Protein backbone atom coordinates (compact mmCIF):
# COMPACT_ATOMS: atom_id res chain seq x y z
CA MET A 1 39.65 21.59 -62.85
CA ILE A 2 40.83 17.96 -62.98
CA ILE A 3 43.45 17.34 -60.18
CA GLN A 4 45.94 14.62 -60.80
CA ARG A 5 47.24 12.83 -57.81
CA GLU A 6 48.54 9.75 -59.37
CA LYS A 7 51.94 9.90 -57.60
CA GLU A 8 50.43 9.63 -54.11
CA ILE A 9 48.10 6.75 -55.17
CA LEU A 10 50.76 4.63 -56.72
CA LYS A 11 52.92 5.20 -53.59
CA ILE A 12 50.17 4.14 -51.20
CA ALA A 13 49.34 1.14 -53.55
CA HIS A 14 53.09 0.17 -53.29
CA LEU A 15 52.90 0.37 -49.55
CA LEU A 16 49.73 -1.91 -49.51
CA LYS A 17 51.72 -4.67 -51.44
CA VAL A 18 54.39 -5.01 -48.80
CA ASN A 19 52.55 -3.94 -45.51
CA PRO A 20 49.25 -5.28 -43.99
CA VAL A 21 48.40 -1.97 -42.69
CA VAL A 22 48.91 1.49 -44.31
CA GLY A 23 48.24 4.71 -42.24
CA ILE A 24 47.23 7.78 -44.29
CA ILE A 25 47.73 10.70 -41.97
CA GLY A 26 47.28 14.52 -42.61
CA SER A 27 45.51 17.55 -41.19
CA ARG A 28 41.81 17.80 -41.44
CA GLN A 29 40.33 18.21 -44.80
CA VAL A 30 43.54 17.66 -46.61
CA GLY A 31 42.07 14.84 -48.84
CA LYS A 32 42.75 11.62 -46.98
CA THR A 33 39.22 10.30 -47.44
CA THR A 34 39.11 11.27 -51.14
CA MET A 35 42.36 9.53 -51.61
CA ALA A 36 41.29 6.26 -49.85
CA ARG A 37 38.22 6.17 -52.03
CA MET A 38 40.22 6.61 -55.14
CA ILE A 39 42.62 3.77 -54.07
CA ALA A 40 39.40 1.65 -53.22
CA SER A 41 37.76 2.30 -56.59
CA LYS A 42 41.02 0.74 -58.22
CA SER A 43 40.69 -2.49 -55.99
CA LYS A 44 39.82 -5.65 -57.78
CA GLY A 45 38.41 -7.28 -54.52
CA GLU A 46 35.93 -6.45 -51.96
CA VAL A 47 36.06 -3.21 -50.13
CA THR A 48 34.66 -2.38 -46.73
CA TYR A 49 34.55 1.24 -45.46
CA PHE A 50 34.08 2.58 -41.88
CA ASP A 51 33.85 6.02 -40.88
CA ALA A 52 34.42 6.46 -37.05
CA GLU A 53 32.57 9.80 -37.05
CA ASN A 54 29.38 8.00 -38.33
CA PRO A 55 27.24 6.76 -35.32
CA GLU A 56 26.16 3.81 -37.52
CA ASP A 57 29.79 2.66 -38.12
CA GLN A 58 30.68 3.28 -34.65
CA ALA A 59 27.88 0.90 -33.57
CA ARG A 60 29.25 -1.58 -36.29
CA LEU A 61 32.69 -1.24 -34.59
CA ALA A 62 31.59 -1.51 -30.95
CA ASP A 63 33.23 -5.16 -31.01
CA PRO A 64 36.11 -4.53 -33.32
CA MET A 65 37.21 -8.05 -33.65
CA LEU A 66 33.75 -9.29 -34.44
CA ALA A 67 33.40 -6.66 -37.09
CA LEU A 68 36.69 -6.94 -38.85
CA LYS A 69 37.82 -10.65 -38.48
CA ASN A 70 35.89 -12.06 -41.44
CA LEU A 71 36.27 -9.29 -43.76
CA LYS A 72 38.35 -9.99 -47.10
CA GLY A 73 39.89 -7.48 -49.47
CA LEU A 74 40.58 -3.94 -48.63
CA VAL A 75 39.18 -2.50 -45.35
CA VAL A 76 39.29 1.26 -44.84
CA ILE A 77 38.82 2.91 -41.41
CA ASP A 78 38.45 6.72 -41.38
CA GLU A 79 39.29 9.03 -38.49
CA ILE A 80 40.59 5.95 -36.49
CA GLN A 81 41.98 8.40 -33.75
CA ARG A 82 38.24 8.23 -32.28
CA LEU A 83 38.55 4.42 -31.74
CA PRO A 84 42.06 3.79 -30.37
CA GLU A 85 41.18 0.42 -29.22
CA ILE A 86 41.08 -0.86 -32.90
CA PHE A 87 44.91 -0.74 -32.97
CA SER A 88 45.25 -3.78 -30.83
CA VAL A 89 42.71 -5.76 -32.83
CA LEU A 90 44.55 -4.79 -36.06
CA ARG A 91 47.72 -6.19 -34.79
CA VAL A 92 46.11 -9.61 -34.20
CA LEU A 93 44.39 -9.52 -37.64
CA ALA A 94 47.65 -8.37 -39.41
CA ASP A 95 49.55 -11.39 -37.90
CA ARG A 96 47.21 -13.93 -39.38
CA PRO A 97 49.11 -16.31 -41.43
CA LEU A 98 48.40 -16.24 -45.27
CA SER A 99 45.80 -13.58 -44.76
CA LYS A 100 45.03 -11.46 -47.83
CA THR A 101 43.18 -8.74 -46.14
CA LYS A 102 44.63 -5.42 -46.28
CA PHE A 103 43.87 -2.41 -44.13
CA ILE A 104 44.05 1.26 -44.63
CA ILE A 105 43.51 3.56 -41.62
CA LEU A 106 43.07 7.34 -41.81
CA GLY A 107 43.74 9.77 -39.14
CA SER A 108 44.68 13.33 -38.34
CA ALA A 109 47.80 12.50 -36.65
CA SER A 110 46.70 13.12 -33.12
CA PRO A 111 48.98 12.22 -30.45
CA GLU A 112 46.66 9.07 -29.72
CA LEU A 113 47.01 7.90 -33.31
CA LEU A 114 50.76 8.12 -33.23
CA ARG A 115 51.34 6.55 -29.90
CA GLN A 116 48.84 3.63 -30.35
CA GLY A 117 50.11 2.94 -33.71
CA SER A 118 53.77 2.80 -32.78
CA GLU A 119 53.11 0.50 -29.82
CA SER A 120 50.53 -1.75 -31.29
CA LEU A 121 51.57 -2.05 -35.02
CA ALA A 122 55.24 -1.66 -35.09
CA GLY A 123 56.62 -3.54 -37.95
CA ARG A 124 53.19 -4.10 -39.54
CA ILE A 125 52.32 -0.57 -40.57
CA ALA A 126 53.70 1.99 -43.00
CA TYR A 127 52.66 5.73 -42.56
CA THR A 128 52.45 8.21 -45.50
CA GLU A 129 51.44 11.89 -45.05
CA ILE A 130 49.04 13.60 -47.28
CA GLU A 131 49.59 17.29 -47.48
CA GLY A 132 46.94 18.57 -49.99
CA PHE A 133 47.60 19.70 -53.58
CA ARG A 134 51.13 19.88 -55.06
CA ILE A 135 52.32 22.14 -57.84
CA GLU A 136 52.33 19.04 -60.15
CA ASP A 137 48.69 18.42 -59.19
CA VAL A 138 47.34 21.84 -60.22
CA GLY A 139 49.93 22.75 -62.82
CA ILE A 140 52.62 25.36 -62.66
CA GLU A 141 50.50 27.98 -64.25
CA HIS A 142 48.21 27.91 -61.31
CA ILE A 143 51.13 28.27 -58.74
CA ASN A 144 50.23 31.77 -57.44
CA ASP A 145 46.65 30.49 -56.60
CA LEU A 146 48.15 27.39 -54.87
CA TRP A 147 50.28 29.78 -52.76
CA LEU A 148 47.46 32.15 -52.14
CA LYS A 149 44.80 29.59 -51.14
CA GLY A 150 46.83 26.64 -49.83
CA GLY A 151 46.47 23.18 -50.90
CA LEU A 152 43.50 22.08 -48.93
CA PRO A 153 41.25 20.81 -51.72
CA ARG A 154 37.95 22.78 -50.67
CA ALA A 155 39.98 25.97 -50.13
CA TYR A 156 41.64 25.57 -53.49
CA LEU A 157 38.53 24.72 -55.41
CA ALA A 158 36.45 27.30 -53.98
CA LYS A 159 34.44 29.33 -56.74
CA ASN A 160 36.19 32.64 -55.69
CA LEU A 161 38.67 34.20 -53.40
CA SER A 162 35.89 35.25 -50.93
CA ASP A 163 34.49 31.69 -50.81
CA SER A 164 37.94 30.31 -50.22
CA PHE A 165 38.78 32.91 -47.50
CA SER A 166 35.40 32.18 -45.65
CA TRP A 167 36.01 28.29 -45.82
CA ARG A 168 39.53 28.61 -44.34
CA MET A 169 38.26 30.78 -41.54
CA ASP A 170 35.41 28.06 -40.71
CA TYR A 171 38.22 25.45 -40.81
CA ILE A 172 40.29 27.40 -38.22
CA ARG A 173 37.33 27.79 -35.94
CA THR A 174 36.31 24.05 -36.39
CA PHE A 175 39.76 22.74 -35.83
CA LEU A 176 40.17 24.88 -32.60
CA GLU A 177 36.64 24.32 -31.14
CA ARG A 178 35.91 20.61 -32.25
CA ASP A 179 38.99 18.79 -33.34
CA ILE A 180 41.51 19.99 -30.77
CA PRO A 181 39.31 18.71 -27.78
CA GLN A 182 38.82 15.43 -29.66
CA PHE A 183 42.64 14.87 -29.80
CA GLY A 184 42.55 15.17 -26.03
CA ILE A 185 44.19 18.61 -25.91
CA ASN A 186 42.62 20.54 -23.09
CA ILE A 187 43.85 24.09 -24.13
CA ASN A 188 41.11 26.86 -24.26
CA SER A 189 40.37 27.51 -28.06
CA THR A 190 40.86 31.45 -27.58
CA THR A 191 44.28 30.92 -26.03
CA LEU A 192 45.27 28.53 -28.92
CA ARG A 193 43.90 30.89 -31.65
CA ARG A 194 46.11 33.64 -30.37
CA PHE A 195 49.16 31.43 -30.04
CA TRP A 196 48.64 30.03 -33.60
CA THR A 197 48.22 33.77 -34.88
CA MET A 198 51.50 34.72 -33.13
CA LEU A 199 53.16 31.70 -34.82
CA ALA A 200 51.89 33.09 -38.13
CA ASN A 201 53.72 36.30 -37.40
CA TYR A 202 56.78 34.21 -36.67
CA HIS A 203 56.51 32.07 -39.64
CA GLY A 204 59.90 31.10 -40.99
CA GLN A 205 61.76 32.36 -37.90
CA ILE A 206 63.69 30.49 -35.25
CA TRP A 207 61.64 29.38 -32.20
CA ASN A 208 62.04 31.33 -29.13
CA SER A 209 60.19 29.77 -26.08
CA SER A 210 61.01 32.62 -23.57
CA GLU A 211 59.81 35.25 -25.91
CA PHE A 212 56.36 33.58 -26.44
CA ALA A 213 56.27 32.50 -22.77
CA ARG A 214 56.57 36.23 -21.76
CA SER A 215 53.69 37.28 -24.02
CA PHE A 216 51.35 34.67 -22.55
CA GLY A 217 52.64 34.89 -18.99
CA VAL A 218 53.26 31.14 -18.74
CA ALA A 219 56.24 28.91 -18.21
CA ASP A 220 58.51 28.02 -21.27
CA THR A 221 57.60 24.43 -20.77
CA THR A 222 53.87 25.30 -21.16
CA ILE A 223 54.35 27.26 -24.35
CA ARG A 224 56.46 24.47 -25.80
CA GLY A 225 53.59 22.16 -25.03
CA TYR A 226 51.31 24.36 -27.13
CA LEU A 227 53.70 24.33 -29.96
CA ASP A 228 54.19 20.51 -29.85
CA ARG A 229 50.53 19.92 -29.81
CA LEU A 230 49.89 21.98 -33.01
CA THR A 231 52.86 20.17 -34.53
CA SER A 232 51.38 16.77 -33.81
CA SER A 233 48.11 17.90 -35.34
CA LEU A 234 50.03 18.83 -38.45
CA VAL A 235 48.97 22.38 -38.71
CA ILE A 236 52.62 23.65 -37.69
CA LYS A 237 55.86 22.35 -38.93
CA GLN A 238 59.15 22.48 -37.11
CA LEU A 239 62.36 22.28 -39.16
CA GLN A 240 65.15 21.12 -37.05
CA PRO A 241 68.60 22.56 -36.86
CA TRP A 242 71.68 20.69 -38.42
CA HIS A 243 74.94 20.58 -36.41
CA GLU A 244 78.36 20.11 -37.98
CA ASN A 245 81.63 19.68 -36.11
CA ILE A 246 82.99 22.97 -36.90
CA SER A 247 84.39 25.89 -34.94
CA LYS A 248 81.46 28.26 -35.56
CA ARG A 249 78.57 28.43 -33.04
CA GLN A 250 75.48 27.06 -34.50
CA VAL A 251 71.89 27.57 -34.00
CA LYS A 252 70.17 24.79 -31.90
CA SER A 253 66.49 25.84 -31.96
CA PRO A 254 64.07 24.86 -34.71
CA LYS A 255 62.28 27.10 -37.26
CA VAL A 256 58.56 27.07 -37.21
CA TYR A 257 56.26 27.19 -40.07
CA VAL A 258 52.51 27.35 -40.43
CA SER A 259 51.89 24.06 -42.59
CA ASN A 260 49.47 25.50 -45.14
CA SER A 261 50.02 28.86 -46.82
CA GLY A 262 46.27 29.34 -47.21
CA ILE A 263 45.80 29.19 -43.33
CA LEU A 264 48.86 31.40 -42.93
CA HIS A 265 47.35 34.02 -44.94
CA ASN A 266 43.93 33.72 -43.03
CA LEU A 267 45.73 34.03 -39.81
CA LEU A 268 47.38 37.26 -41.01
CA ASN A 269 44.06 38.48 -42.69
CA LEU A 270 45.62 38.47 -46.13
CA ARG A 271 42.73 37.93 -48.60
CA THR A 272 44.31 38.83 -51.93
CA MET A 273 47.66 38.48 -53.65
CA HIS A 274 48.01 42.34 -53.37
CA ASP A 275 47.64 41.93 -49.61
CA ILE A 276 50.41 39.55 -49.48
CA GLU A 277 52.68 41.36 -51.67
CA SER A 278 52.32 44.39 -49.50
CA HIS A 279 52.97 42.61 -46.22
CA PRO A 280 56.20 42.30 -44.18
CA LYS A 281 55.74 38.43 -44.25
CA LEU A 282 55.81 38.26 -48.10
CA GLY A 283 59.22 36.71 -48.13
CA ALA A 284 58.68 34.27 -45.26
CA SER A 285 55.34 33.23 -46.70
CA TRP A 286 56.83 32.50 -50.19
CA GLU A 287 59.77 30.61 -48.47
CA GLY A 288 57.46 28.40 -46.42
CA PHE A 289 55.41 27.62 -49.50
CA VAL A 290 58.30 26.83 -51.77
CA LEU A 291 60.06 24.78 -48.95
CA GLY A 292 57.11 22.62 -48.47
CA GLN A 293 56.67 22.03 -52.09
CA ILE A 294 60.61 21.13 -52.62
CA ILE A 295 60.36 18.62 -49.76
CA LEU A 296 57.39 17.07 -51.38
CA ARG A 297 59.14 17.14 -54.92
CA LEU A 298 62.21 15.58 -53.48
CA GLU A 299 60.19 12.96 -51.75
CA ALA A 300 62.34 13.69 -48.55
CA VAL A 301 61.09 12.49 -45.07
CA ARG A 302 61.18 14.46 -41.90
CA ASN A 303 64.40 13.00 -40.58
CA GLU A 304 66.28 13.90 -43.81
CA CYS A 305 65.24 17.75 -43.73
CA PHE A 306 66.95 20.44 -41.81
CA PHE A 307 68.02 24.07 -41.90
CA TRP A 308 71.39 25.37 -40.86
CA ALA A 309 72.46 28.59 -39.23
CA THR A 310 75.36 30.04 -37.29
CA HIS A 311 75.41 32.80 -34.79
CA SER A 312 77.56 34.82 -36.98
CA GLY A 313 74.84 34.99 -39.66
CA ALA A 314 75.48 32.14 -42.09
CA GLU A 315 72.28 30.29 -43.04
CA LEU A 316 70.95 27.66 -45.21
CA ASP A 317 67.18 27.51 -45.73
CA LEU A 318 66.91 23.77 -46.31
CA LEU A 319 69.44 20.96 -45.96
CA VAL A 320 68.49 17.55 -47.20
CA VAL A 321 70.84 14.84 -45.88
CA ARG A 322 70.30 11.47 -47.68
CA GLY A 323 73.00 8.87 -46.68
CA ARG A 324 76.43 10.43 -46.92
CA LYS A 325 75.22 13.18 -49.41
CA LYS A 326 74.05 16.70 -48.62
CA TYR A 327 71.80 18.88 -50.72
CA GLY A 328 71.24 22.62 -49.94
CA TYR A 329 68.35 24.75 -51.05
CA GLU A 330 67.94 28.45 -50.77
CA PHE A 331 64.73 30.31 -51.39
CA LYS A 332 65.14 33.81 -52.81
CA ARG A 333 62.04 36.12 -53.87
CA THR A 334 64.12 37.78 -56.57
CA SER A 335 64.42 37.79 -60.42
CA THR A 336 68.26 38.05 -60.15
CA PRO A 337 69.64 35.43 -58.04
CA LYS A 338 73.24 35.82 -56.86
CA ILE A 339 75.89 34.00 -54.65
CA THR A 340 75.92 35.36 -51.28
CA PRO A 341 78.63 34.98 -48.47
CA SER A 342 76.01 32.89 -46.66
CA MET A 343 75.82 30.47 -49.61
CA ALA A 344 79.67 30.27 -49.89
CA SER A 345 79.97 29.37 -46.15
CA ALA A 346 77.24 26.57 -46.50
CA ILE A 347 79.14 25.10 -49.33
CA ASN A 348 82.46 25.24 -47.60
CA ASP A 349 81.31 24.38 -44.07
CA LEU A 350 78.80 21.70 -44.77
CA LYS A 351 80.55 20.11 -47.94
CA LEU A 352 77.46 20.19 -49.95
CA ASN A 353 77.35 17.95 -52.99
CA GLU A 354 75.01 20.59 -54.69
CA LEU A 355 73.28 23.85 -53.94
CA THR A 356 70.07 25.03 -55.65
CA VAL A 357 68.78 28.56 -55.53
CA LEU A 358 65.00 28.87 -56.25
CA TYR A 359 64.13 32.27 -57.39
CA CYS A 360 61.09 34.04 -59.06
CA GLY A 361 62.03 33.22 -62.97
CA ASN A 362 61.74 30.70 -65.71
CA LYS A 363 65.33 29.81 -66.49
CA THR A 364 67.68 27.31 -65.00
CA PHE A 365 71.38 28.23 -65.04
CA PRO A 366 74.68 27.53 -63.21
CA LEU A 367 75.96 30.27 -60.58
CA ALA A 368 79.22 28.66 -59.80
CA LYS A 369 80.54 25.10 -59.40
CA ASN A 370 78.02 22.94 -57.58
CA ILE A 371 75.62 25.98 -57.41
CA ARG A 372 72.67 26.39 -59.82
CA ALA A 373 69.79 28.76 -60.03
CA VAL A 374 66.29 27.18 -60.80
CA GLY A 375 63.29 29.49 -61.77
CA ILE A 376 60.14 28.59 -59.91
CA GLN A 377 58.51 27.92 -63.20
CA ASN A 378 60.89 25.07 -63.67
CA ILE A 379 60.37 23.40 -60.34
CA VAL A 380 58.58 20.31 -61.83
CA LYS A 381 61.02 20.10 -64.79
CA ASP A 382 64.37 20.68 -63.01
CA ILE A 383 63.88 19.63 -59.48
CA THR A 384 63.67 15.62 -59.47
CA PRO A 385 63.39 13.13 -56.48
CA LEU A 386 66.58 12.27 -54.85
């Protein structure tokens, strides 16, 4: 299967034109290195590649200034979170007048990477996040495979479901036992595995620190620290709540999602589509998968995406706020979408410009003024970037 990722390549190429440094971040094995090599293959000038996990490259970068200052063209540094001292060197090199050298740095969004990058390279670096294969990459006819296996390239491209499931299980173990300690996170791997599995069972629900803390017998602040560390490593997503100045009491805690649907299914021990369709988390799994694909499709950034809910029961799965406009999205695993009281409340209370209902079908049609239903088969055709 040929996977097309031209949209992401063009985005990174544009960022390189206007920034001396571009950071490609994403969870392990999401395709950052492959993406960087594809961009490098299109470069007309010199290309120099460093892998900070390679002992030979670590030796070459023992004196970063000496190793980097005379390089021309494009310089790629992979797994840069292992060498945080390079950030201050990149700041100096990026500030050189008339320099035509461009840097691509790749990292797994560890706390060290984000902190060092923001402190040392402010105003010089543009970050873009890679999240694995999208529906438009694999084709709409493969949407169920993408949902089941997730978008991590090796999991999706495995020869069969058994190989994909085994690879994802190895990924989980390696992440907990090797990657987490490298990020400076000193939490027992067994404890973090249990916590991650519990989050899988709460996928798509509103975060409740006290409930998790009671289960683990620790303080609320400790359990919140676990959540934030997995979020920083991009294996968990927190969708923040939106607040309006209205009379209704509104939810103020985030929703939590396992970032990758394939990893979610492994944590829940769901090996086949039949397993998913007979599991209580079917609707939540589908919602999280489509929500992630919609955010990518809209090209929405993190500070534009929210959910909205009131204590009286009204809720909106996704609210995208861009400037003064508000767009709502609901995800219904049904073949017959209908307007619900919750949708009507969201339209009226939030003053939405448009509400889109994604459902399991292949037609697009209006449900009411400013409300339309879009079948999941039409997601590429009828959902366009904002």
